[in-house]
Every structure is written in structure tokens, then in C-alpha cells.
């Protein structure tokens, strides 16, 4: 992989796309008004669809499972953090 894009500390990538004004406006307006979706979510799904088409099902599914597991780990940490904060607020440390 090229070193042009750097991972964040959590392993995720931030992609920034600069579109020319006229075509960008058309894209944004269409996605928001006609499809009723957030532009960032729609664009992310376009990327996922591209990856799913280009790479083998086996590879794509394994990577998706990895990402899903990482997300579940984050959710679990948030739940535990909220429980601990609630206990602390109630003086039940």
C-alpha cells in the first residue's frame, strides 16, 4: 500500500474529496434531495460497493467481519464506560 494516506490512531482512514463546484453541487443535491441520504454515508457505501465488486467475496467478507468485530469492541467499551460512570455518579465505585 502506498504511504500517501495515513491511518488514524484507531486504524481508520479519513478520505477527503474535493469536487469541482458544478459537479459537486449536482452530486450533493442529488444525494440529499433525490435519495434523501447523507453525502458522506452514501459516498462510503459507494466505496464499499466498489471494493466488493473488485475483490473476491472471501477477502471482502473477511475484511468486513474484521471491521464489524472492531466496531462491536468499540460499542462494548462505550457501554462499560457508561456503566462505570453511572456507578461512580451513584457512589458505587
PDB file of N, CA and C in Angstrom:
ATOM      1  N   UNK A   1       0.841  -1.182   0.000  1.00  0.00           N
ATOM      2  CA  UNK A   1       0.000   0.000   0.000  1.00  0.00           C
ATOM      3  C   UNK A   1       0.884   1.242   0.000  1.00  0.00           C
ATOM      4  N   UNK A   2       0.374   2.265  -0.608  1.00  0.00           N
ATOM      5  CA  UNK A   2       1.146   3.495  -0.688  1.00  0.00           C
ATOM      6  C   UNK A   2       1.114   4.220   0.648  1.00  0.00           C
ATOM      7  N   UNK A   3       2.117   5.040   0.870  1.00  0.00           N
ATOM      8  CA  UNK A   3       2.205   5.788   2.111  1.00  0.00           C
ATOM      9  C   UNK A   3       1.529   7.133   2.046  1.00  0.00           C
ATOM     10  N   UNK A   4       0.735   7.382   1.032  1.00  0.00           N
ATOM     11  CA  UNK A   4       0.112   8.698   0.869  1.00  0.00           C
ATOM     12  C   UNK A   4      -0.952   8.981   1.915  1.00  0.00           C
ATOM     13  N   UNK A   5      -1.769   7.998   2.213  1.00  0.00           N
ATOM     14  CA  UNK A   5      -2.788   8.169   3.247  1.00  0.00           C
ATOM     15  C   UNK A   5      -2.309   7.500   4.524  1.00  0.00           C
ATOM     16  N   UNK A   6      -2.478   8.172   5.614  1.00  0.00           N
ATOM     17  CA  UNK A   6      -2.049   7.641   6.907  1.00  0.00           C
ATOM     18  C   UNK A   6      -3.277   7.218   7.708  1.00  0.00           C
ATOM     19  N   UNK A   7      -3.127   6.105   8.399  1.00  0.00           N
ATOM     20  CA  UNK A   7      -4.182   5.652   9.306  1.00  0.00           C
ATOM     21  C   UNK A   7      -4.245   6.575  10.508  1.00  0.00           C
ATOM     22  N   UNK A   8      -5.454   6.726  11.039  1.00  0.00           N
ATOM     23  CA  UNK A   8      -5.599   7.402  12.324  1.00  0.00           C
ATOM     24  C   UNK A   8      -5.131   6.436  13.402  1.00  0.00           C
ATOM     25  N   UNK A   9      -5.087   6.901  14.626  1.00  0.00           N
ATOM     26  CA  UNK A   9      -4.661   6.039  15.729  1.00  0.00           C
ATOM     27  C   UNK A   9      -5.581   4.833  15.904  1.00  0.00           C
ATOM     28  N   UNK A  10      -6.848   4.999  15.554  1.00  0.00           N
ATOM     29  CA  UNK A  10      -7.798   3.889  15.695  1.00  0.00           C
ATOM     30  C   UNK A  10      -7.809   2.971  14.479  1.00  0.00           C
ATOM     31  N   UNK A  11      -6.923   3.223  13.517  1.00  0.00           N
ATOM     32  CA  UNK A  11      -6.797   2.372  12.348  1.00  0.00           C
ATOM     33  C   UNK A  11      -7.677   2.770  11.176  1.00  0.00           C
ATOM     34  N   UNK A  12      -8.542   3.742  11.374  1.00  0.00           N
ATOM     35  CA  UNK A  12      -9.437   4.178  10.304  1.00  0.00           C
ATOM     36  C   UNK A  12      -8.733   5.179   9.395  1.00  0.00           C
ATOM     37  N   UNK A  13      -9.277   5.323   8.208  1.00  0.00           N
ATOM     38  CA  UNK A  13      -8.765   6.292   7.239  1.00  0.00           C
ATOM     39  C   UNK A  13      -9.781   7.411   7.053  1.00  0.00           C
ATOM     40  N   UNK A  14      -9.283   8.607   6.880  1.00  0.00           N
ATOM     41  CA  UNK A  14     -10.135   9.736   6.528  1.00  0.00           C
ATOM     42  C   UNK A  14      -9.824  10.071   5.075  1.00  0.00           C
ATOM     43  N   UNK A  15     -10.848  10.023   4.239  1.00  0.00           N
ATOM     44  CA  UNK A  15     -10.702  10.377   2.837  1.00  0.00           C
ATOM     45  C   UNK A  15     -11.373  11.722   2.619  1.00  0.00           C
ATOM     46  N   UNK A  16     -10.677  12.610   1.957  1.00  0.00           N
ATOM     47  CA  UNK A  16     -11.246  13.913   1.648  1.00  0.00           C
ATOM     48  C   UNK A  16     -11.293  14.040   0.133  1.00  0.00           C
ATOM     49  N   UNK A  17     -12.447  14.405  -0.387  1.00  0.00           N
ATOM     50  CA  UNK A  17     -12.620  14.524  -1.824  1.00  0.00           C
ATOM     51  C   UNK A  17     -13.040  15.948  -2.145  1.00  0.00           C
ATOM     52  N   UNK A  18     -12.280  16.582  -3.005  1.00  0.00           N
ATOM     53  CA  UNK A  18     -12.641  17.920  -3.460  1.00  0.00           C
ATOM     54  C   UNK A  18     -13.231  17.787  -4.854  1.00  0.00           C
ATOM     55  N   UNK A  19     -14.495  18.138  -4.982  1.00  0.00           N
ATOM     56  CA  UNK A  19     -15.172  18.063  -6.275  1.00  0.00           C
ATOM     57  C   UNK A  19     -15.282  19.467  -6.868  1.00  0.00           C
ATOM     58  N   UNK A  20     -15.173  19.587  -8.176  1.00  0.00           N
ATOM     59  CA  UNK A  20     -15.395  20.886  -8.810  1.00  0.00           C
ATOM     60  C   UNK A  20     -16.794  21.393  -8.465  1.00  0.00           C
ATOM     61  N   UNK A  21     -16.952  22.689  -8.424  1.00  0.00           N
ATOM     62  CA  UNK A  21     -18.167  23.318  -7.913  1.00  0.00           C
ATOM     63  C   UNK A  21     -19.451  22.812  -8.568  1.00  0.00           C
ATOM     64  N   UNK A  22     -19.531  22.824  -9.874  1.00  0.00           N
ATOM     65  CA  UNK A  22     -20.789  22.481 -10.545  1.00  0.00           C
ATOM     66  C   UNK A  22     -21.152  21.016 -10.367  1.00  0.00           C
ATOM     67  N   UNK A  23     -20.191  20.115 -10.602  1.00  0.00           N
ATOM     68  CA  UNK A  23     -20.478  18.691 -10.454  1.00  0.00           C
ATOM     69  C   UNK A  23     -20.645  18.323  -8.992  1.00  0.00           C
ATOM     70  N   UNK A  24     -19.894  18.974  -8.122  1.00  0.00           N
ATOM     71  CA  UNK A  24     -20.046  18.732  -6.695  1.00  0.00           C
ATOM     72  C   UNK A  24     -21.427  19.116  -6.207  1.00  0.00           C
ATOM     73  N   UNK A  25     -21.904  20.263  -6.666  1.00  0.00           N
ATOM     74  CA  UNK A  25     -23.245  20.704  -6.278  1.00  0.00           C
ATOM     75  C   UNK A  25     -24.304  19.737  -6.791  1.00  0.00           C
ATOM     76  N   UNK A  26     -24.156  19.275  -8.026  1.00  0.00           N
ATOM     77  CA  UNK A  26     -25.092  18.306  -8.586  1.00  0.00           C
ATOM     78  C   UNK A  26     -25.109  17.029  -7.761  1.00  0.00           C
ATOM     79  N   UNK A  27     -23.928  16.520  -7.403  1.00  0.00           N
ATOM     80  CA  UNK A  27     -23.811  15.290  -6.615  1.00  0.00           C
ATOM     81  C   UNK A  27     -24.460  15.460  -5.248  1.00  0.00           C
ATOM     82  N   UNK A  28     -24.082  16.516  -4.552  1.00  0.00           N
ATOM     83  CA  UNK A  28     -24.603  16.767  -3.201  1.00  0.00           C
ATOM     84  C   UNK A  28     -26.117  16.941  -3.234  1.00  0.00           C
ATOM     85  N   UNK A  29     -26.589  17.755  -4.157  1.00  0.00           N
ATOM     86  CA  UNK A  29     -28.036  17.986  -4.246  1.00  0.00           C
ATOM     87  C   UNK A  29     -28.787  16.697  -4.554  1.00  0.00           C
ATOM     88  N   UNK A  30     -28.278  15.914  -5.489  1.00  0.00           N
ATOM     89  CA  UNK A  30     -28.953  14.673  -5.865  1.00  0.00           C
ATOM     90  C   UNK A  30     -29.007  13.698  -4.692  1.00  0.00           C
ATOM     91  N   UNK A  31     -27.876  13.512  -4.032  1.00  0.00           N
ATOM     92  CA  UNK A  31     -27.834  12.546  -2.924  1.00  0.00           C
ATOM     93  C   UNK A  31     -28.753  12.996  -1.791  1.00  0.00           C
ATOM     94  N   UNK A  32     -28.716  14.277  -1.464  1.00  0.00           N
ATOM     95  CA  UNK A  32     -29.529  14.764  -0.358  1.00  0.00           C
ATOM     96  C   UNK A  32     -31.009  14.876  -0.721  1.00  0.00           C
ATOM     97  N   UNK A  33     -31.300  15.477  -1.856  1.00  0.00           N
ATOM     98  CA  UNK A  33     -32.689  15.772  -2.209  1.00  0.00           C
ATOM     99  C   UNK A  33     -33.409  14.568  -2.828  1.00  0.00           C
ATOM    100  N   UNK A  34     -32.783  13.924  -3.790  1.00  0.00           N
ATOM    101  CA  UNK A  34     -33.450  12.831  -4.507  1.00  0.00           C
ATOM    102  C   UNK A  34     -33.377  11.506  -3.757  1.00  0.00           C
ATOM    103  N   UNK A  35     -32.223  11.235  -3.150  1.00  0.00           N
ATOM    104  CA  UNK A  35     -32.049   9.968  -2.448  1.00  0.00           C
ATOM    105  C   UNK A  35     -32.352  10.077  -0.960  1.00  0.00           C
ATOM    106  N   UNK A  36     -32.331  11.308  -0.442  1.00  0.00           N
ATOM    107  CA  UNK A  36     -32.619  11.521   0.980  1.00  0.00           C
ATOM    108  C   UNK A  36     -31.560  10.936   1.896  1.00  0.00           C
ATOM    109  N   UNK A  37     -30.313  10.932   1.448  1.00  0.00           N
ATOM    110  CA  UNK A  37     -29.229  10.351   2.235  1.00  0.00           C
ATOM    111  C   UNK A  37     -28.163  11.396   2.548  1.00  0.00           C
ATOM    112  N   UNK A  38     -27.390  11.103   3.579  1.00  0.00           N
ATOM    113  CA  UNK A  38     -26.240  11.949   3.889  1.00  0.00           C
ATOM    114  C   UNK A  38     -25.150  11.661   2.864  1.00  0.00           C
ATOM    115  N   UNK A  39     -24.500  12.701   2.391  1.00  0.00           N
ATOM    116  CA  UNK A  39     -23.492  12.552   1.348  1.00  0.00           C
ATOM    117  C   UNK A  39     -22.347  11.649   1.805  1.00  0.00           C
ATOM    118  N   UNK A  40     -21.869  11.830   3.019  1.00  0.00           N
ATOM    119  CA  UNK A  40     -20.731  11.024   3.487  1.00  0.00           C
ATOM    120  C   UNK A  40     -21.101   9.547   3.580  1.00  0.00           C
ATOM    121  N   UNK A  41     -22.294   9.236   4.077  1.00  0.00           N
ATOM    122  CA  UNK A  41     -22.717   7.830   4.168  1.00  0.00           C
ATOM    123  C   UNK A  41     -22.912   7.213   2.789  1.00  0.00           C
ATOM    124  N   UNK A  42     -23.506   7.962   1.874  1.00  0.00           N
ATOM    125  CA  UNK A  42     -23.718   7.461   0.526  1.00  0.00           C
ATOM    126  C   UNK A  42     -22.388   7.207  -0.172  1.00  0.00           C
ATOM    127  N   UNK A  43     -21.450   8.137  -0.018  1.00  0.00           N
ATOM    128  CA  UNK A  43     -20.132   8.004  -0.646  1.00  0.00           C
ATOM    129  C   UNK A  43     -19.378   6.822  -0.051  1.00  0.00           C
ATOM    130  N   UNK A  44     -19.478   6.633   1.258  1.00  0.00           N
ATOM    131  CA  UNK A  44     -18.839   5.483   1.900  1.00  0.00           C
ATOM    132  C   UNK A  44     -19.397   4.185   1.343  1.00  0.00           C
ATOM    133  N   UNK A  45     -20.714   4.129   1.139  1.00  0.00           N
ATOM    134  CA  UNK A  45     -21.327   2.926   0.583  1.00  0.00           C
ATOM    135  C   UNK A  45     -20.873   2.687  -0.854  1.00  0.00           C
ATOM    136  N   UNK A  46     -20.680   3.753  -1.623  1.00  0.00           N
ATOM    137  CA  UNK A  46     -20.143   3.605  -2.982  1.00  0.00           C
ATOM    138  C   UNK A  46     -18.763   2.940  -2.948  1.00  0.00           C
ATOM    139  N   UNK A  47     -17.944   3.353  -2.000  1.00  0.00           N
ATOM    140  CA  UNK A  47     -16.605   2.770  -1.864  1.00  0.00           C
ATOM    141  C   UNK A  47     -16.706   1.299  -1.481  1.00  0.00           C
ATOM    142  N   UNK A  48     -17.573   0.985  -0.524  1.00  0.00           N
ATOM    143  CA  UNK A  48     -17.743  -0.412  -0.123  1.00  0.00           C
ATOM    144  C   UNK A  48     -18.240  -1.259  -1.296  1.00  0.00           C
ATOM    145  N   UNK A  49     -19.186  -0.732  -2.067  1.00  0.00           N
ATOM    146  CA  UNK A  49     -19.692  -1.462  -3.232  1.00  0.00           C
ATOM    147  C   UNK A  49     -18.574  -1.702  -4.244  1.00  0.00           C
ATOM    148  N   UNK A  50     -17.735  -0.702  -4.449  1.00  0.00           N
ATOM    149  CA  UNK A  50     -16.598  -0.845  -5.354  1.00  0.00           C
ATOM    150  C   UNK A  50     -15.665  -1.964  -4.883  1.00  0.00           C
ATOM    151  N   UNK A  51     -15.312  -1.943  -3.605  1.00  0.00           N
ATOM    152  CA  UNK A  51     -14.421  -2.967  -3.060  1.00  0.00           C
ATOM    153  C   UNK A  51     -15.030  -4.362  -3.192  1.00  0.00           C
ATOM    154  N   UNK A  52     -16.316  -4.454  -2.942  1.00  0.00           N
ATOM    155  CA  UNK A  52     -16.995  -5.745  -3.019  1.00  0.00           C
ATOM    156  C   UNK A  52     -16.999  -6.292  -4.454  1.00  0.00           C
ATOM    157  N   UNK A  53     -17.101  -5.395  -5.428  1.00  0.00           N
ATOM    158  CA  UNK A  53     -17.088  -5.814  -6.829  1.00  0.00           C
ATOM    159  C   UNK A  53     -15.686  -6.187  -7.313  1.00  0.00           C
ATOM    160  N   UNK A  54     -14.676  -5.476  -6.845  1.00  0.00           N
ATOM    161  CA  UNK A  54     -13.314  -5.648  -7.360  1.00  0.00           C
ATOM    162  C   UNK A  54     -12.600  -6.840  -6.731  1.00  0.00           C
ATOM    163  N   UNK A  55     -12.833  -7.077  -5.452  1.00  0.00           N
ATOM    164  CA  UNK A  55     -12.090  -8.116  -4.742  1.00  0.00           C
ATOM    165  C   UNK A  55     -12.955  -9.359  -4.523  1.00  0.00           C
ATOM    166  N   UNK A  56     -12.303 -10.449  -4.226  1.00  0.00           N
ATOM    167  CA  UNK A  56     -13.020 -11.713  -4.035  1.00  0.00           C
ATOM    168  C   UNK A  56     -13.986 -11.612  -2.859  1.00  0.00           C
ATOM    169  N   UNK A  57     -15.045 -12.404  -2.951  1.00  0.00           N
ATOM    170  CA  UNK A  57     -16.025 -12.442  -1.860  1.00  0.00           C
ATOM    171  C   UNK A  57     -15.353 -12.856  -0.553  1.00  0.00           C
ATOM    172  N   UNK A  58     -14.463 -13.821  -0.651  1.00  0.00           N
ATOM    173  CA  UNK A  58     -13.776 -14.318   0.542  1.00  0.00           C
ATOM    174  C   UNK A  58     -12.979 -13.207   1.218  1.00  0.00           C
ATOM    175  N   UNK A  59     -12.194 -12.469   0.445  1.00  0.00           N
ATOM    176  CA  UNK A  59     -11.402 -11.381   1.013  1.00  0.00           C
ATOM    177  C   UNK A  59     -12.297 -10.294   1.578  1.00  0.00           C
ATOM    178  N   UNK A  60     -13.273  -9.875   0.784  1.00  0.00           N
ATOM    179  CA  UNK A  60     -14.136  -8.789   1.234  1.00  0.00           C
ATOM    180  C   UNK A  60     -14.885  -9.163   2.509  1.00  0.00           C
ATOM    181  N   UNK A  61     -15.437 -10.376   2.567  1.00  0.00           N
ATOM    182  CA  UNK A  61     -16.184 -10.797   3.744  1.00  0.00           C
ATOM    183  C   UNK A  61     -15.301 -10.880   4.981  1.00  0.00           C
ATOM    184  N   UNK A  62     -14.063 -11.332   4.808  1.00  0.00           N
ATOM    185  CA  UNK A  62     -13.141 -11.400   5.942  1.00  0.00           C
ATOM    186  C   UNK A  62     -12.841 -10.003   6.467  1.00  0.00           C
ATOM    187  N   UNK A  63     -12.610  -9.060   5.574  1.00  0.00           N
ATOM    188  CA  UNK A  63     -12.335  -7.685   5.999  1.00  0.00           C
ATOM    189  C   UNK A  63     -13.563  -7.066   6.652  1.00  0.00           C
ATOM    190  N   UNK A  64     -14.736  -7.348   6.112  1.00  0.00           N
ATOM    191  CA  UNK A  64     -15.975  -6.828   6.706  1.00  0.00           C
ATOM    192  C   UNK A  64     -16.175  -7.399   8.106  1.00  0.00           C
ATOM    193  N   UNK A  65     -15.911  -8.678   8.273  1.00  0.00           N
ATOM    194  CA  UNK A  65     -16.018  -9.298   9.596  1.00  0.00           C
ATOM    195  C   UNK A  65     -15.032  -8.664  10.570  1.00  0.00           C
ATOM    196  N   UNK A  66     -13.815  -8.393  10.116  1.00  0.00           N
ATOM    197  CA  UNK A  66     -12.819  -7.720  10.961  1.00  0.00           C
ATOM    198  C   UNK A  66     -13.329  -6.351  11.404  1.00  0.00           C
ATOM    199  N   UNK A  67     -13.867  -5.587  10.444  1.00  0.00           N
ATOM    200  CA  UNK A  67     -14.380  -4.249  10.759  1.00  0.00           C
ATOM    201  C   UNK A  67     -15.580  -4.327  11.701  1.00  0.00           C
ATOM    202  N   UNK A  68     -16.469  -5.281  11.465  1.00  0.00           N
ATOM    203  CA  UNK A  68     -17.640  -5.443  12.334  1.00  0.00           C
ATOM    204  C   UNK A  68     -17.221  -5.803  13.756  1.00  0.00           C
ATOM    205  N   UNK A  69     -16.223  -6.683  13.887  1.00  0.00           N
ATOM    206  CA  UNK A  69     -15.734  -7.070  15.216  1.00  0.00           C
ATOM    207  C   UNK A  69     -15.105  -5.875  15.928  1.00  0.00           C
ATOM    208  N   UNK A  70     -14.348  -5.074  15.180  1.00  0.00           N
ATOM    209  CA  UNK A  70     -13.730  -3.878  15.771  1.00  0.00           C
ATOM    210  C   UNK A  70     -14.807  -2.904  16.246  1.00  0.00           C
ATOM    211  N   UNK A  71     -15.877  -2.748  15.468  1.00  0.00           N
ATOM    212  CA  UNK A  71     -16.972  -1.865  15.847  1.00  0.00           C
ATOM    213  C   UNK A  71     -17.665  -2.375  17.115  1.00  0.00           C
ATOM    214  N   UNK A  72     -17.907  -3.674  17.193  1.00  0.00           N
ATOM    215  CA  UNK A  72     -18.540  -4.250  18.373  1.00  0.00           C
ATOM    216  C   UNK A  72     -17.679  -4.034  19.621  1.00  0.00           C
ATOM    217  N   UNK A  73     -16.370  -4.108  19.453  1.00  0.00           N
ATOM    218  CA  UNK A  73     -15.455  -3.866  20.571  1.00  0.00           C
ATOM    219  C   UNK A  73     -15.577  -2.423  21.057  1.00  0.00           C
ATOM    220  N   UNK A  74     -15.692  -1.488  20.119  1.00  0.00           N
ATOM    221  CA  UNK A  74     -15.856  -0.074  20.474  1.00  0.00           C
ATOM    222  C   UNK A  74     -17.178   0.123  21.212  1.00  0.00           C
ATOM    223  N   UNK A  75     -18.252  -0.478  20.699  1.00  0.00           N
ATOM    224  CA  UNK A  75     -19.564  -0.351  21.331  1.00  0.00           C
ATOM    225  C   UNK A  75     -19.517  -0.912  22.749  1.00  0.00           C
ATOM    226  N   UNK A  76     -18.889  -2.065  22.922  1.00  0.00           N
ATOM    227  CA  UNK A  76     -18.795  -2.679  24.245  1.00  0.00           C
ATOM    228  C   UNK A  76     -18.028  -1.787  25.221  1.00  0.00           C
ATOM    229  N   UNK A  77     -16.941  -1.168  24.738  1.00  0.00           N
ATOM    230  CA  UNK A  77     -16.177  -0.249  25.596  1.00  0.00           C
ATOM    231  C   UNK A  77     -17.031   0.938  26.027  1.00  0.00           C
ATOM    232  N   UNK A  78     -17.833   1.460  25.107  1.00  0.00           N
ATOM    233  CA  UNK A  78     -18.709   2.586  25.437  1.00  0.00           C
ATOM    234  C   UNK A  78     -19.735   2.176  26.488  1.00  0.00           C
ATOM    235  N   UNK A  79     -20.309   0.997  26.331  1.00  0.00           N
ATOM    236  CA  UNK A  79     -21.294   0.505  27.301  1.00  0.00           C
ATOM    237  C   UNK A  79     -20.652   0.379  28.677  1.00  0.00           C
ATOM    238  N   UNK A  80     -19.474  -0.223  28.730  1.00  0.00           N
ATOM    239  CA  UNK A  80     -18.769  -0.379  30.005  1.00  0.00           C
ATOM    240  C   UNK A  80     -18.431   0.973  30.612  1.00  0.00           C
ATOM    241  N   UNK A  81     -18.005   1.916  29.781  1.00  0.00           N
ATOM    242  CA  UNK A  81     -17.684   3.257  30.268  1.00  0.00           C
ATOM    243  C   UNK A  81     -18.890   3.952  30.870  1.00  0.00           C
ATOM    244  N   UNK A  82     -20.039   3.801  30.220  1.00  0.00           N
ATOM    245  CA  UNK A  82     -21.266   4.408  30.744  1.00  0.00           C
ATOM    246  C   UNK A  82     -21.676   3.770  32.061  1.00  0.00           C
ATOM    247  N   UNK A  83     -21.536   2.439  32.159  1.00  0.00           N
ATOM    248  CA  UNK A  83     -21.862   1.748  33.406  1.00  0.00           C
ATOM    249  C   UNK A  83     -20.971   2.237  34.541  1.00  0.00           C
ATOM    250  N   UNK A  84     -19.682   2.346  34.260  1.00  0.00           N
ATOM    251  CA  UNK A  84     -18.744   2.799  35.287  1.00  0.00           C
ATOM    252  C   UNK A  84     -19.032   4.231  35.698  1.00  0.00           C
ATOM    253  N   UNK A  85     -19.352   5.089  34.737  1.00  0.00           N
ATOM    254  CA  UNK A  85     -19.667   6.487  35.060  1.00  0.00           C
ATOM    255  C   UNK A  85     -20.926   6.579  35.914  1.00  0.00           C
ATOM    256  N   UNK A  86     -21.925   5.757  35.595  1.00  0.00           N
ATOM    257  CA  UNK A  86     -23.173   5.754  36.360  1.00  0.00           C
ATOM    258  C   UNK A  86     -22.916   5.281  37.790  1.00  0.00           C
ATOM    259  N   UNK A  87     -22.110   4.236  37.932  1.00  0.00           N
ATOM    260  CA  UNK A  87     -21.794   3.736  39.256  1.00  0.00           C
ATOM    261  C   UNK A  87     -21.014   4.781  40.063  1.00  0.00           C
ATOM    262  N   UNK A  88     -20.108   5.460  39.385  1.00  0.00           N
ATOM    263  CA  UNK A  88     -19.324   6.494  40.060  1.00  0.00           C
ATOM    264  C   UNK A  88     -20.224   7.641  40.523  1.00  0.00           C
ATOM    265  N   UNK A  89     -21.166   8.043  39.647  1.00  0.00           N
ATOM    266  CA  UNK A  89     -22.104   9.119  39.989  1.00  0.00           C
ATOM    267  C   UNK A  89     -22.989   8.733  41.171  1.00  0.00           C
ATOM    268  N   UNK A  90     -23.286   7.441  41.298  1.00  0.00           N
ATOM    269  CA  UNK A  90     -24.133   6.960  42.385  1.00  0.00           C
ATOM    270  C   UNK A  90     -23.317   6.608  43.634  1.00  0.00           C
ATOM    271  N   UNK A  91     -22.019   6.787  43.545  1.00  0.00           N
ATOM    272  CA  UNK A  91     -21.145   6.473  44.673  1.00  0.00           C
ATOM    273  C   UNK A  91     -20.959   4.997  44.913  1.00  0.00           C
ATOM    274  N   UNK A  92     -21.085   4.185  43.864  1.00  0.00           N
ATOM    275  CA  UNK A  92     -20.978   2.732  43.987  1.00  0.00           C
ATOM    276  C   UNK A  92     -19.670   2.198  43.432  1.00  0.00           C
ATOM    277  N   UNK A  93     -18.708   3.014  43.299  1.00  0.00           N
ATOM    278  CA  UNK A  93     -17.442   2.601  42.708  1.00  0.00           C
ATOM    279  C   UNK A  93     -17.074   1.250  43.208  1.00  0.00           C
TER     280      UNK A  93
END
